Protein backbone atom coordinates (compact mmCIF):
# COMPACT_ATOMS: atom_id res chain seq x y z
CA MET A 1 0.04 0.01 0.03
CA SER A 2 1.47 3.37 -1.11
CA PHE A 3 0.78 6.65 0.48
CA LYS A 4 0.73 9.88 -1.44
CA ASP A 5 3.56 12.39 -0.40
CA GLN A 6 2.15 15.41 1.56
CA VAL A 7 2.64 18.74 -0.01
CA VAL A 8 4.35 21.15 2.21
CA PHE A 9 3.92 24.95 1.28
CA ASP A 10 6.70 27.00 2.58
CA ILE A 11 6.07 30.66 2.19
CA ALA A 12 9.88 31.58 2.62
CA GLU A 13 10.61 29.39 -0.28
CA GLU A 14 7.59 30.30 -2.50
CA LYS A 15 7.70 33.95 -1.78
CA PHE A 16 10.10 35.09 -4.60
CA LYS A 17 9.77 31.97 -6.94
CA TYR A 18 8.61 34.26 -9.90
CA LEU A 19 12.04 36.20 -9.83
CA ASN A 20 13.78 32.89 -10.80
CA ARG A 21 11.80 32.08 -13.95
CA GLU A 22 13.62 30.17 -16.77
CA ASN A 23 11.93 32.15 -19.54
CA LYS A 24 11.91 35.82 -18.52
CA ASN A 25 10.38 36.98 -22.19
CA LEU A 26 7.31 35.06 -21.54
CA ARG A 27 4.53 37.55 -20.56
CA ASN A 28 1.15 36.85 -19.04
CA ARG A 29 -1.18 38.08 -21.76
CA VAL A 30 -4.89 38.01 -21.65
CA ASP A 31 -7.03 37.04 -24.42
CA ILE A 32 -9.40 39.83 -24.87
CA VAL A 33 -11.99 37.75 -26.75
CA GLU A 34 -12.12 35.35 -23.98
CA LEU A 35 -12.37 38.05 -21.38
CA ASN A 36 -15.25 39.81 -23.19
CA LYS A 37 -16.95 36.55 -23.64
CA ARG A 38 -16.88 35.85 -19.86
CA LEU A 39 -17.69 39.37 -19.05
CA ASN A 40 -20.77 39.41 -21.29
CA GLN A 41 -21.92 36.05 -19.81
CA THR A 42 -21.48 37.49 -16.25
CA LYS A 43 -23.48 40.59 -17.29
CA LYS A 44 -26.27 38.39 -18.61
CA ILE A 45 -26.53 36.29 -15.67
CA ASN A 46 -26.57 39.29 -13.28
CA PHE A 47 -29.34 40.94 -15.47
CA TYR A 48 -31.39 37.85 -15.20
CA ASN A 49 -30.90 37.40 -11.36
CA ASN A 50 -31.65 41.18 -10.96
CA ALA A 51 -34.99 40.66 -13.01
CA LYS A 52 -36.03 37.78 -11.01
CA ILE A 53 -35.33 39.57 -7.86
CA VAL A 54 -37.36 42.70 -9.01
CA THR A 55 -40.16 40.48 -10.24
CA ALA A 56 -40.44 38.53 -7.05
CA SER A 57 -40.51 41.91 -5.10
CA ILE A 58 -43.32 43.35 -7.20
CA LEU A 59 -45.42 40.17 -6.92
CA LEU A 60 -44.79 40.12 -3.13
CA LEU A 61 -45.79 43.80 -2.79
CA ALA A 62 -48.92 43.23 -4.97
CA LEU A 63 -49.88 40.14 -2.73
CA VAL A 64 -49.54 42.39 0.34
CA ALA A 65 -51.54 45.03 -1.20
CA MET A 66 -54.29 42.52 -2.21
CA ILE A 67 -54.41 41.14 1.42
CA SER A 68 -54.61 44.58 2.98
CA LEU A 69 -57.40 45.80 0.63
CA LYS A 70 -59.59 42.63 1.65
CA VAL A 71 -59.35 43.58 5.09
């Protein structure tokens, strides 16, 4: 039976690891198309969530108003 090695995270060792990169010409670049796609998807989800909340709030207020008019 073999056990997996435990991963040890040492802050002192990992702190400046990025300074010792092999390939310093490599830059972290963001794909703007992918970024825009994710942003648009997030906006759409947020819009639908906000629409659901507003609709539920209006229905609740209408229900409260109907109940108060009957009394």
